[in-house]
Amino acid sequence: MTELIRLTAYASINRIMLSTSTVSNDSIIRGGFCPVDPEGFGAAYRFEEGLFRGSLSSYDAEEGRRMKEALEEIFGDLKMLMDFMGAEK
């Protein structure tokens, strides 16, 4: 094993905590991404006219629930900000 692989920094940068991508092709109605780290999340999202769709996956149900609640709060705040700024829907 080389010295590089033994370094703590190497192990840290190779932990992918969020596996994500857009699912924008019309032929894909539902899609998702699985976490690639036991403590990570998988997320897929899609923007449609006036709509945002997404899915979230996690190996840990409680952490998944907490992330979902945090995202709902964030998107709620973003909507309020956009409404305040007069952004088109």
PDB file of N, CA and C in Angstrom:
ATOM      1  N   MET A   1       0.843  -1.178   0.000  1.00  0.00           N
ATOM      2  CA  MET A   1       0.000   0.000   0.000  1.00  0.00           C
ATOM      3  C   MET A   1       0.892   1.246   0.000  1.00  0.00           C
ATOM      4  N   THR A   2       0.589   2.195  -0.862  1.00  0.00           N
ATOM      5  CA  THR A   2       1.411   3.401  -0.927  1.00  0.00           C
ATOM      6  C   THR A   2       1.122   4.321   0.254  1.00  0.00           C
ATOM      7  N   GLU A   3       2.050   5.238   0.504  1.00  0.00           N
ATOM      8  CA  GLU A   3       1.883   6.213   1.585  1.00  0.00           C
ATOM      9  C   GLU A   3       0.629   7.059   1.380  1.00  0.00           C
ATOM     10  N   LEU A   4       0.323   7.421   0.144  1.00  0.00           N
ATOM     11  CA  LEU A   4      -0.843   8.265  -0.146  1.00  0.00           C
ATOM     12  C   LEU A   4      -2.129   7.631   0.377  1.00  0.00           C
ATOM     13  N   ILE A   5      -2.318   6.360   0.129  1.00  0.00           N
ATOM     14  CA  ILE A   5      -3.551   5.679   0.531  1.00  0.00           C
ATOM     15  C   ILE A   5      -3.675   5.587   2.050  1.00  0.00           C
ATOM     16  N   ARG A   6      -2.572   5.583   2.742  1.00  0.00           N
ATOM     17  CA  ARG A   6      -2.602   5.501   4.200  1.00  0.00           C
ATOM     18  C   ARG A   6      -2.918   6.845   4.864  1.00  0.00           C
ATOM     19  N   LEU A   7      -2.833   7.932   4.152  1.00  0.00           N
ATOM     20  CA  LEU A   7      -3.070   9.244   4.738  1.00  0.00           C
ATOM     21  C   LEU A   7      -4.542   9.436   5.109  1.00  0.00           C
ATOM     22  N   THR A   8      -4.767  10.047   6.258  1.00  0.00           N
ATOM     23  CA  THR A   8      -6.133  10.352   6.705  1.00  0.00           C
ATOM     24  C   THR A   8      -6.825  11.289   5.715  1.00  0.00           C
ATOM     25  N   ALA A   9      -6.095  12.243   5.188  1.00  0.00           N
ATOM     26  CA  ALA A   9      -6.677  13.185   4.227  1.00  0.00           C
ATOM     27  C   ALA A   9      -7.188  12.458   2.988  1.00  0.00           C
ATOM     28  N   TYR A  10      -6.475  11.466   2.537  1.00  0.00           N
ATOM     29  CA  TYR A  10      -6.894  10.682   1.369  1.00  0.00           C
ATOM     30  C   TYR A  10      -8.220   9.984   1.652  1.00  0.00           C
ATOM     31  N   ALA A  11      -8.334   9.401   2.828  1.00  0.00           N
ATOM     32  CA  ALA A  11      -9.583   8.732   3.202  1.00  0.00           C
ATOM     33  C   ALA A  11     -10.730   9.727   3.279  1.00  0.00           C
ATOM     34  N   SER A  12     -10.464  10.927   3.805  1.00  0.00           N
ATOM     35  CA  SER A  12     -11.511  11.944   3.944  1.00  0.00           C
ATOM     36  C   SER A  12     -12.034  12.431   2.603  1.00  0.00           C
ATOM     37  N   ILE A  13     -11.140  12.679   1.655  1.00  0.00           N
ATOM     38  CA  ILE A  13     -11.601  13.212   0.372  1.00  0.00           C
ATOM     39  C   ILE A  13     -12.266  12.155  -0.490  1.00  0.00           C
ATOM     40  N   ASN A  14     -12.119  10.905  -0.126  1.00  0.00           N
ATOM     41  CA  ASN A  14     -12.757   9.845  -0.886  1.00  0.00           C
ATOM     42  C   ASN A  14     -14.082   9.390  -0.293  1.00  0.00           C
ATOM     43  N   ARG A  15     -14.577  10.106   0.697  1.00  0.00           N
ATOM     44  CA  ARG A  15     -15.923   9.850   1.226  1.00  0.00           C
ATOM     45  C   ARG A  15     -16.875  10.765   0.486  1.00  0.00           C
ATOM     46  N   ILE A  16     -17.756  10.197  -0.262  1.00  0.00           N
ATOM     47  CA  ILE A  16     -18.727  10.980  -1.020  1.00  0.00           C
ATOM     48  C   ILE A  16     -20.024  10.985  -0.224  1.00  0.00           C
ATOM     49  N   MET A  17     -20.317  12.114   0.407  1.00  0.00           N
ATOM     50  CA  MET A  17     -21.461  12.193   1.303  1.00  0.00           C
ATOM     51  C   MET A  17     -22.769  12.491   0.568  1.00  0.00           C
ATOM     52  N   LEU A  18     -22.676  12.993  -0.657  1.00  0.00           N
ATOM     53  CA  LEU A  18     -23.884  13.297  -1.422  1.00  0.00           C
ATOM     54  C   LEU A  18     -23.695  12.839  -2.857  1.00  0.00           C
ATOM     55  N   SER A  19     -24.484  11.868  -3.258  1.00  0.00           N
ATOM     56  CA  SER A  19     -24.493  11.392  -4.637  1.00  0.00           C
ATOM     57  C   SER A  19     -25.742  11.987  -5.280  1.00  0.00           C
ATOM     58  N   THR A  20     -25.575  12.850  -6.269  1.00  0.00           N
ATOM     59  CA  THR A  20     -26.720  13.591  -6.788  1.00  0.00           C
ATOM     60  C   THR A  20     -26.588  13.912  -8.262  1.00  0.00           C
ATOM     61  N   SER A  21     -27.720  14.165  -8.880  1.00  0.00           N
ATOM     62  CA  SER A  21     -27.745  14.610 -10.264  1.00  0.00           C
ATOM     63  C   SER A  21     -29.166  15.011 -10.639  1.00  0.00           C
ATOM     64  N   THR A  22     -29.262  15.782 -11.700  1.00  0.00           N
ATOM     65  CA  THR A  22     -30.592  16.079 -12.229  1.00  0.00           C
ATOM     66  C   THR A  22     -31.087  14.881 -13.013  1.00  0.00           C
ATOM     67  N   VAL A  23     -32.381  14.736 -13.052  1.00  0.00           N
ATOM     68  CA  VAL A  23     -33.041  13.711 -13.853  1.00  0.00           C
ATOM     69  C   VAL A  23     -33.957  14.506 -14.783  1.00  0.00           C
ATOM     70  N   SER A  24     -33.389  15.009 -15.878  1.00  0.00           N
ATOM     71  CA  SER A  24     -34.115  15.985 -16.681  1.00  0.00           C
ATOM     72  C   SER A  24     -34.695  15.448 -17.975  1.00  0.00           C
ATOM     73  N   ASN A  25     -34.416  14.223 -18.303  1.00  0.00           N
ATOM     74  CA  ASN A  25     -34.934  13.663 -19.540  1.00  0.00           C
ATOM     75  C   ASN A  25     -36.405  13.305 -19.373  1.00  0.00           C
ATOM     76  N   ASP A  26     -37.254  13.726 -20.314  1.00  0.00           N
ATOM     77  CA  ASP A  26     -38.685  13.450 -20.221  1.00  0.00           C
ATOM     78  C   ASP A  26     -39.009  11.964 -20.238  1.00  0.00           C
ATOM     79  N   SER A  27     -38.120  11.144 -20.746  1.00  0.00           N
ATOM     80  CA  SER A  27     -38.390   9.707 -20.782  1.00  0.00           C
ATOM     81  C   SER A  27     -38.180   9.056 -19.413  1.00  0.00           C
ATOM     82  N   ILE A  28     -37.574   9.789 -18.488  1.00  0.00           N
ATOM     83  CA  ILE A  28     -37.381   9.268 -17.131  1.00  0.00           C
ATOM     84  C   ILE A  28     -38.407   9.940 -16.228  1.00  0.00           C
ATOM     85  N   ILE A  29     -39.426   9.193 -15.835  1.00  0.00           N
ATOM     86  CA  ILE A  29     -40.468   9.755 -14.977  1.00  0.00           C
ATOM     87  C   ILE A  29     -40.014   9.752 -13.523  1.00  0.00           C
ATOM     88  N   ARG A  30     -39.445   8.668 -13.110  1.00  0.00           N
ATOM     89  CA  ARG A  30     -38.947   8.555 -11.745  1.00  0.00           C
ATOM     90  C   ARG A  30     -37.485   8.101 -11.819  1.00  0.00           C
ATOM     91  N   GLY A  31     -36.692   8.659 -10.955  1.00  0.00           N
ATOM     92  CA  GLY A  31     -35.293   8.273 -10.931  1.00  0.00           C
ATOM     93  C   GLY A  31     -34.718   8.574  -9.567  1.00  0.00           C
ATOM     94  N   GLY A  32     -33.597   8.023  -9.269  1.00  0.00           N
ATOM     95  CA  GLY A  32     -33.007   8.282  -7.977  1.00  0.00           C
ATOM     96  C   GLY A  32     -31.544   7.924  -7.945  1.00  0.00           C
ATOM     97  N   PHE A  33     -30.915   8.328  -6.894  1.00  0.00           N
ATOM     98  CA  PHE A  33     -29.519   8.024  -6.661  1.00  0.00           C
ATOM     99  C   PHE A  33     -29.395   7.471  -5.252  1.00  0.00           C
ATOM    100  N   CYS A  34     -28.622   6.442  -5.110  1.00  0.00           N
ATOM    101  CA  CYS A  34     -28.390   5.840  -3.792  1.00  0.00           C
ATOM    102  C   CYS A  34     -27.150   6.461  -3.169  1.00  0.00           C
ATOM    103  N   PRO A  35     -27.118   6.494  -1.841  1.00  0.00           N
ATOM    104  CA  PRO A  35     -25.893   6.953  -1.193  1.00  0.00           C
ATOM    105  C   PRO A  35     -24.748   5.996  -1.506  1.00  0.00           C
ATOM    106  N   VAL A  36     -23.549   6.532  -1.612  1.00  0.00           N
ATOM    107  CA  VAL A  36     -22.371   5.697  -1.869  1.00  0.00           C
ATOM    108  C   VAL A  36     -21.490   5.584  -0.634  1.00  0.00           C
ATOM    109  N   ASP A  37     -21.945   6.178   0.467  1.00  0.00           N
ATOM    110  CA  ASP A  37     -21.260   6.092   1.751  1.00  0.00           C
ATOM    111  C   ASP A  37     -22.322   5.726   2.796  1.00  0.00           C
ATOM    112  N   PRO A  38     -22.018   4.870   3.735  1.00  0.00           N
ATOM    113  CA  PRO A  38     -23.019   4.478   4.730  1.00  0.00           C
ATOM    114  C   PRO A  38     -23.624   5.649   5.499  1.00  0.00           C
ATOM    115  N   GLU A  39     -22.905   6.756   5.604  1.00  0.00           N
ATOM    116  CA  GLU A  39     -23.413   7.927   6.314  1.00  0.00           C
ATOM    117  C   GLU A  39     -23.898   9.014   5.352  1.00  0.00           C
ATOM    118  N   GLY A  40     -23.918   8.731   4.064  1.00  0.00           N
ATOM    119  CA  GLY A  40     -24.247   9.735   3.063  1.00  0.00           C
ATOM    120  C   GLY A  40     -25.693   9.690   2.607  1.00  0.00           C
ATOM    121  N   PHE A  41     -25.958  10.476   1.560  1.00  0.00           N
ATOM    122  CA  PHE A  41     -27.298  10.607   0.999  1.00  0.00           C
ATOM    123  C   PHE A  41     -27.234  10.470  -0.516  1.00  0.00           C
ATOM    124  N   GLY A  42     -28.324  10.037  -1.086  1.00  0.00           N
ATOM    125  CA  GLY A  42     -28.501  10.041  -2.523  1.00  0.00           C
ATOM    126  C   GLY A  42     -29.643  10.993  -2.845  1.00  0.00           C
ATOM    127  N   ALA A  43     -29.511  11.786  -3.878  1.00  0.00           N
ATOM    128  CA  ALA A  43     -30.562  12.739  -4.229  1.00  0.00           C
ATOM    129  C   ALA A  43     -30.667  12.865  -5.738  1.00  0.00           C
ATOM    130  N   ALA A  44     -31.895  12.898  -6.206  1.00  0.00           N
ATOM    131  CA  ALA A  44     -32.179  13.175  -7.620  1.00  0.00           C
ATOM    132  C   ALA A  44     -33.185  14.313  -7.638  1.00  0.00           C
ATOM    133  N   TYR A  45     -33.092  15.163  -8.647  1.00  0.00           N
ATOM    134  CA  TYR A  45     -34.029  16.279  -8.705  1.00  0.00           C
ATOM    135  C   TYR A  45     -34.334  16.630 -10.146  1.00  0.00           C
ATOM    136  N   ARG A  46     -35.440  17.317 -10.303  1.00  0.00           N
ATOM    137  CA  ARG A  46     -35.907  17.696 -11.633  1.00  0.00           C
ATOM    138  C   ARG A  46     -36.695  18.996 -11.515  1.00  0.00           C
ATOM    139  N   PHE A  47     -36.416  19.907 -12.423  1.00  0.00           N
ATOM    140  CA  PHE A  47     -37.176  21.139 -12.515  1.00  0.00           C
ATOM    141  C   PHE A  47     -38.142  21.028 -13.677  1.00  0.00           C
ATOM    142  N   GLU A  48     -39.386  21.348 -13.417  1.00  0.00           N
ATOM    143  CA  GLU A  48     -40.394  21.421 -14.461  1.00  0.00           C
ATOM    144  C   GLU A  48     -40.993  22.814 -14.387  1.00  0.00           C
ATOM    145  N   GLU A  49     -41.808  23.177 -15.335  1.00  0.00           N
ATOM    146  CA  GLU A  49     -42.394  24.512 -15.338  1.00  0.00           C
ATOM    147  C   GLU A  49     -43.187  24.736 -14.054  1.00  0.00           C
ATOM    148  N   GLY A  50     -42.703  25.639 -13.218  1.00  0.00           N
ATOM    149  CA  GLY A  50     -43.364  25.972 -11.971  1.00  0.00           C
ATOM    150  C   GLY A  50     -43.297  24.886 -10.906  1.00  0.00           C
ATOM    151  N   LEU A  51     -42.404  23.916 -11.063  1.00  0.00           N
ATOM    152  CA  LEU A  51     -42.389  22.782 -10.147  1.00  0.00           C
ATOM    153  C   LEU A  51     -40.967  22.252  -9.962  1.00  0.00           C
ATOM    154  N   PHE A  52     -40.682  21.825  -8.765  1.00  0.00           N
ATOM    155  CA  PHE A  52     -39.423  21.155  -8.446  1.00  0.00           C
ATOM    156  C   PHE A  52     -39.783  19.793  -7.870  1.00  0.00           C
ATOM    157  N   ARG A  53     -39.195  18.747  -8.409  1.00  0.00           N
ATOM    158  CA  ARG A  53     -39.404  17.395  -7.885  1.00  0.00           C
ATOM    159  C   ARG A  53     -38.062  16.844  -7.432  1.00  0.00           C
ATOM    160  N   GLY A  54     -38.108  16.050  -6.390  1.00  0.00           N
ATOM    161  CA  GLY A  54     -36.870  15.465  -5.914  1.00  0.00           C
ATOM    162  C   GLY A  54     -37.100  14.194  -5.135  1.00  0.00           C
ATOM    163  N   SER A  55     -36.044  13.415  -5.006  1.00  0.00           N
ATOM    164  CA  SER A  55     -36.072  12.223  -4.165  1.00  0.00           C
ATOM    165  C   SER A  55     -34.797  12.182  -3.350  1.00  0.00           C
ATOM    166  N   LEU A  56     -34.893  11.603  -2.181  1.00  0.00           N
ATOM    167  CA  LEU A  56     -33.766  11.539  -1.259  1.00  0.00           C
ATOM    168  C   LEU A  56     -33.676  10.123  -0.715  1.00  0.00           C
ATOM    169  N   SER A  57     -32.478   9.582  -0.630  1.00  0.00           N
ATOM    170  CA  SER A  57     -32.292   8.250  -0.053  1.00  0.00           C
ATOM    171  C   SER A  57     -31.147   8.281   0.955  1.00  0.00           C
ATOM    172  N   SER A  58     -31.256   7.390   1.940  1.00  0.00           N
ATOM    173  CA  SER A  58     -30.250   7.299   2.995  1.00  0.00           C
ATOM    174  C   SER A  58     -30.303   5.893   3.571  1.00  0.00           C
ATOM    175  N   TYR A  59     -29.162   5.392   4.016  1.00  0.00           N
ATOM    176  CA  TYR A  59     -29.145   4.099   4.695  1.00  0.00           C
ATOM    177  C   TYR A  59     -29.734   4.202   6.100  1.00  0.00           C
ATOM    178  N   ASP A  60     -29.673   5.387   6.688  1.00  0.00           N
ATOM    179  CA  ASP A  60     -30.155   5.614   8.045  1.00  0.00           C
ATOM    180  C   ASP A  60     -31.482   6.371   7.977  1.00  0.00           C
ATOM    181  N   ALA A  61     -32.577   5.718   8.366  1.00  0.00           N
ATOM    182  CA  ALA A  61     -33.913   6.318   8.241  1.00  0.00           C
ATOM    183  C   ALA A  61     -34.035   7.622   9.030  1.00  0.00           C
ATOM    184  N   GLU A  62     -33.483   7.683  10.218  1.00  0.00           N
ATOM    185  CA  GLU A  62     -33.579   8.891  11.034  1.00  0.00           C
ATOM    186  C   GLU A  62     -32.814  10.049  10.401  1.00  0.00           C
ATOM    187  N   GLU A  63     -31.605   9.776   9.909  1.00  0.00           N
ATOM    188  CA  GLU A  63     -30.839  10.827   9.231  1.00  0.00           C
ATOM    189  C   GLU A  63     -31.548  11.268   7.949  1.00  0.00           C
ATOM    190  N   GLY A  64     -32.139  10.332   7.231  1.00  0.00           N
ATOM    191  CA  GLY A  64     -32.907  10.675   6.037  1.00  0.00           C
ATOM    192  C   GLY A  64     -34.085  11.572   6.362  1.00  0.00           C
ATOM    193  N   ARG A  65     -34.785  11.269   7.461  1.00  0.00           N
ATOM    194  CA  ARG A  65     -35.918  12.097   7.882  1.00  0.00           C
ATOM    195  C   ARG A  65     -35.452  13.502   8.248  1.00  0.00           C
ATOM    196  N   ARG A  66     -34.343  13.589   8.975  1.00  0.00           N
ATOM    197  CA  ARG A  66     -33.819  14.903   9.370  1.00  0.00           C
ATOM    198  C   ARG A  66     -33.384  15.723   8.148  1.00  0.00           C
ATOM    199  N   MET A  67     -32.737  15.071   7.176  1.00  0.00           N
ATOM    200  CA  MET A  67     -32.333  15.770   5.962  1.00  0.00           C
ATOM    201  C   MET A  67     -33.563  16.240   5.182  1.00  0.00           C
ATOM    202  N   LYS A  68     -34.579  15.399   5.084  1.00  0.00           N
ATOM    203  CA  LYS A  68     -35.816  15.763   4.388  1.00  0.00           C
ATOM    204  C   LYS A  68     -36.448  16.995   5.035  1.00  0.00           C
ATOM    205  N   GLU A  69     -36.534  16.993   6.354  1.00  0.00           N
ATOM    206  CA  GLU A  69     -37.113  18.139   7.058  1.00  0.00           C
ATOM    207  C   GLU A  69     -36.293  19.406   6.835  1.00  0.00           C
ATOM    208  N   ALA A  70     -34.968  19.279   6.842  1.00  0.00           N
ATOM    209  CA  ALA A  70     -34.104  20.443   6.602  1.00  0.00           C
ATOM    210  C   ALA A  70     -34.298  20.977   5.187  1.00  0.00           C
ATOM    211  N   LEU A  71     -34.386  20.074   4.207  1.00  0.00           N
ATOM    212  CA  LEU A  71     -34.598  20.508   2.824  1.00  0.00           C
ATOM    213  C   LEU A  71     -35.963  21.173   2.650  1.00  0.00           C
ATOM    214  N   GLU A  72     -36.989  20.634   3.292  1.00  0.00           N
ATOM    215  CA  GLU A  72     -38.316  21.247   3.216  1.00  0.00           C
ATOM    216  C   GLU A  72     -38.284  22.663   3.778  1.00  0.00           C
ATOM    217  N   GLU A  73     -37.574  22.854   4.884  1.00  0.00           N
ATOM    218  CA  GLU A  73     -37.451  24.183   5.479  1.00  0.00           C
ATOM    219  C   GLU A  73     -36.687  25.129   4.550  1.00  0.00           C
ATOM    220  N   ILE A  74     -35.598  24.639   3.981  1.00  0.00           N
ATOM    221  CA  ILE A  74     -34.796  25.468   3.072  1.00  0.00           C
ATOM    222  C   ILE A  74     -35.614  25.880   1.850  1.00  0.00           C
ATOM    223  N   PHE A  75     -36.317  24.911   1.232  1.00  0.00           N
ATOM    224  CA  PHE A  75     -37.105  25.243   0.050  1.00  0.00           C
ATOM    225  C   PHE A  75     -38.271  26.166   0.398  1.00  0.00           C
ATOM    226  N   GLY A  76     -38.834  26.017   1.588  1.00  0.00           N
ATOM    227  CA  GLY A  76     -39.878  26.937   2.037  1.00  0.00           C
ATOM    228  C   GLY A  76     -39.338  28.358   2.172  1.00  0.00           C
ATOM    229  N   ASP A  77     -38.147  28.478   2.757  1.00  0.00           N
ATOM    230  CA  ASP A  77     -37.509  29.793   2.891  1.00  0.00           C
ATOM    231  C   ASP A  77     -37.201  30.396   1.517  1.00  0.00           C
ATOM    232  N   LEU A  78     -36.711  29.570   0.594  1.00  0.00           N
ATOM    233  CA  LEU A  78     -36.411  30.068  -0.755  1.00  0.00           C
ATOM    234  C   LEU A  78     -37.680  30.555  -1.453  1.00  0.00           C
ATOM    235  N   LYS A  79     -38.783  29.820  -1.283  1.00  0.00           N
ATOM    236  CA  LYS A  79     -40.045  30.233  -1.897  1.00  0.00           C
ATOM    237  C   LYS A  79     -40.506  31.572  -1.324  1.00  0.00           C
ATOM    238  N   MET A  80     -40.414  31.724   0.001  1.00  0.00           N
ATOM    239  CA  MET A  80     -40.810  33.003   0.612  1.00  0.00           C
ATOM    240  C   MET A  80     -39.947  34.139   0.077  1.00  0.00           C
ATOM    241  N   LEU A  81     -38.651  33.905  -0.058  1.00  0.00           N
ATOM    242  CA  LEU A  81     -37.750  34.927  -0.572  1.00  0.00           C
ATOM    243  C   LEU A  81     -38.094  35.280  -2.015  1.00  0.00           C
ATOM    244  N   MET A  82     -38.335  34.267  -2.829  1.00  0.00           N
ATOM    245  CA  MET A  82     -38.682  34.527  -4.232  1.00  0.00           C
ATOM    246  C   MET A  82     -40.019  35.261  -4.342  1.00  0.00           C
ATOM    247  N   ASP A  83     -40.988  34.882  -3.516  1.00  0.00           N
ATOM    248  CA  ASP A  83     -42.269  35.579  -3.516  1.00  0.00           C
ATOM    249  C   ASP A  83     -42.078  37.035  -3.099  1.00  0.00           C
ATOM    250  N   PHE A  84     -41.264  37.269  -2.092  1.00  0.00           N
ATOM    251  CA  PHE A  84     -40.981  38.618  -1.618  1.00  0.00           C
ATOM    252  C   PHE A  84     -40.313  39.454  -2.702  1.00  0.00           C
ATOM    253  N   MET A  85     -39.404  38.830  -3.438  1.00  0.00           N
ATOM    254  CA  MET A  85     -38.665  39.544  -4.471  1.00  0.00           C
ATOM    255  C   MET A  85     -39.487  39.679  -5.770  1.00  0.00           C
ATOM    256  N   GLY A  86     -40.646  39.051  -5.811  1.00  0.00           N
ATOM    257  CA  GLY A  86     -41.492  39.143  -6.992  1.00  0.00           C
ATOM    258  C   GLY A  86     -41.044  38.249  -8.133  1.00  0.00           C
ATOM    259  N   ALA A  87     -40.345  37.189  -7.813  1.00  0.00           N
ATOM    260  CA  ALA A  87     -39.887  36.276  -8.877  1.00  0.00           C
ATOM    261  C   ALA A  87     -41.074  35.574  -9.494  1.00  0.00           C
ATOM    262  N   GLU A  88     -40.978  35.361 -10.804  1.00  0.00           N
ATOM    263  CA  GLU A  88     -42.054  34.649 -11.505  1.00  0.00           C
ATOM    264  C   GLU A  88     -42.020  33.197 -11.097  1.00  0.00           C
ATOM    265  N   LYS A  89     -43.205  32.596 -11.094  1.00  0.00           N
ATOM    266  CA  LYS A  89     -43.300  31.187 -10.720  1.00  0.00           C
ATOM    267  C   LYS A  89     -42.979  30.307 -11.887  1.00  0.00           C
TER     268      LYS A  89
END
